[in-house]
Amino acid sequence: MATTVVDKAMDKARELKAYDDARPGFPGEHWLVLGAGIGLWLASRRHPSFAVRTLGLLTGSALVGRAASGRDGLSRVLRYTPVGGRIRRV
């Protein structure tokens, strides 16, 4: 059975998540991630390409969300919302 591009991307995301979970954190990491997210927003907001603006917004939002919620991700925060109980961690 052939693997699709989506399967390969999900495998790569799982590998990256496993690496991130295994490494030790460092003090101030959330500030660095917050700065990277805001930097992406600012760098991509006036780009002429809609795709670049959209990717900058999505990636920047993900980084800001990670900075706000920590390394456990938004699933830890969202479990207290009405729909959060149905969110599965990858």
Protein backbone atom coordinates (compact mmCIF):
# COMPACT_ATOMS: atom_id res chain seq x y z
CA MET A 1 0.00 0.00 0.00
CA ALA A 2 1.48 3.31 -1.06
CA THR A 3 1.85 6.11 1.45
CA THR A 4 0.37 9.44 0.54
CA VAL A 5 1.87 12.87 0.97
CA VAL A 6 -0.45 13.45 3.93
CA ASP A 7 0.75 10.24 5.61
CA LYS A 8 4.37 11.28 5.12
CA ALA A 9 3.64 14.74 6.52
CA MET A 10 1.89 13.25 9.56
CA ASP A 11 4.82 10.88 10.15
CA LYS A 12 7.23 13.80 9.96
CA ALA A 13 5.06 15.83 12.37
CA ARG A 14 5.04 12.89 14.83
CA GLU A 15 8.85 12.61 14.58
CA LEU A 16 9.22 16.33 15.24
CA LYS A 17 6.81 16.15 18.19
CA ALA A 18 8.69 13.17 19.67
CA TYR A 19 12.00 15.04 19.32
CA ASP A 20 10.52 18.13 20.95
CA ASP A 21 9.06 16.13 23.83
CA ALA A 22 12.38 14.38 24.47
CA ARG A 23 14.53 17.49 24.63
CA PRO A 24 14.87 19.55 27.82
CA GLY A 25 13.31 23.01 27.82
CA PHE A 26 15.27 26.14 28.65
CA PRO A 27 14.35 29.25 30.64
CA GLY A 28 12.59 31.88 28.56
CA GLU A 29 11.77 29.49 25.73
CA HIS A 30 8.18 30.75 25.56
CA TRP A 31 9.41 34.33 25.02
CA LEU A 32 11.56 33.21 22.10
CA VAL A 33 8.65 31.33 20.53
CA LEU A 34 6.35 34.32 21.08
CA GLY A 35 8.87 36.60 19.36
CA ALA A 36 9.16 34.20 16.42
CA GLY A 37 5.37 34.08 16.02
CA ILE A 38 4.96 37.85 16.12
CA GLY A 39 7.94 38.20 13.79
CA LEU A 40 6.28 35.92 11.25
CA TRP A 41 3.07 37.95 11.47
CA LEU A 42 4.93 41.19 10.85
CA ALA A 43 7.18 39.80 8.13
CA SER A 44 4.37 38.27 6.10
CA ARG A 45 1.47 40.66 6.58
CA ARG A 46 2.22 42.91 3.59
CA HIS A 47 3.62 40.33 1.21
CA PRO A 48 1.99 40.51 -2.24
CA SER A 49 1.28 36.77 -2.30
CA PHE A 50 -1.92 35.63 -0.59
CA ALA A 51 -0.35 32.21 0.06
CA VAL A 52 2.64 33.73 1.90
CA ARG A 53 0.36 35.96 3.99
CA THR A 54 -1.84 32.99 4.87
CA LEU A 55 1.08 30.71 5.77
CA GLY A 56 2.65 33.49 7.84
CA LEU A 57 -0.61 34.03 9.70
CA LEU A 58 -1.16 30.31 10.34
CA THR A 59 2.41 29.57 11.40
CA GLY A 60 2.66 32.73 13.50
CA SER A 61 -0.62 31.90 15.22
CA ALA A 62 0.59 28.38 15.98
CA LEU A 63 3.79 29.73 17.52
CA VAL A 64 1.95 32.33 19.60
CA GLY A 65 -0.46 29.63 20.77
CA ARG A 66 2.45 27.42 21.73
CA ALA A 67 4.07 30.26 23.64
CA ALA A 68 0.83 30.88 25.52
CA SER A 69 0.13 27.25 26.39
CA GLY A 70 3.61 25.81 26.83
CA ARG A 71 5.09 22.64 25.38
CA ASP A 72 1.98 20.56 26.06
CA GLY A 73 0.16 22.45 23.33
CA LEU A 74 -3.26 24.00 23.19
CA SER A 75 -4.96 20.65 23.81
CA ARG A 76 -4.16 21.08 27.51
CA VAL A 77 -5.79 24.52 27.57
CA LEU A 78 -8.70 23.67 25.28
CA ARG A 79 -9.86 20.69 27.35
CA TYR A 80 -11.65 23.20 29.59
CA THR A 81 -13.76 24.53 26.70
CA PRO A 82 -17.08 23.02 25.58
CA VAL A 83 -15.59 21.34 22.48
CA GLY A 84 -12.15 20.72 23.93
CA GLY A 85 -12.97 17.32 25.36
CA ARG A 86 -13.27 15.90 21.86
CA ILE A 87 -9.82 17.09 20.73
CA ARG A 88 -7.29 14.26 20.31
CA ARG A 89 -3.56 14.75 20.79
CA VAL A 90 -1.41 13.66 17.87
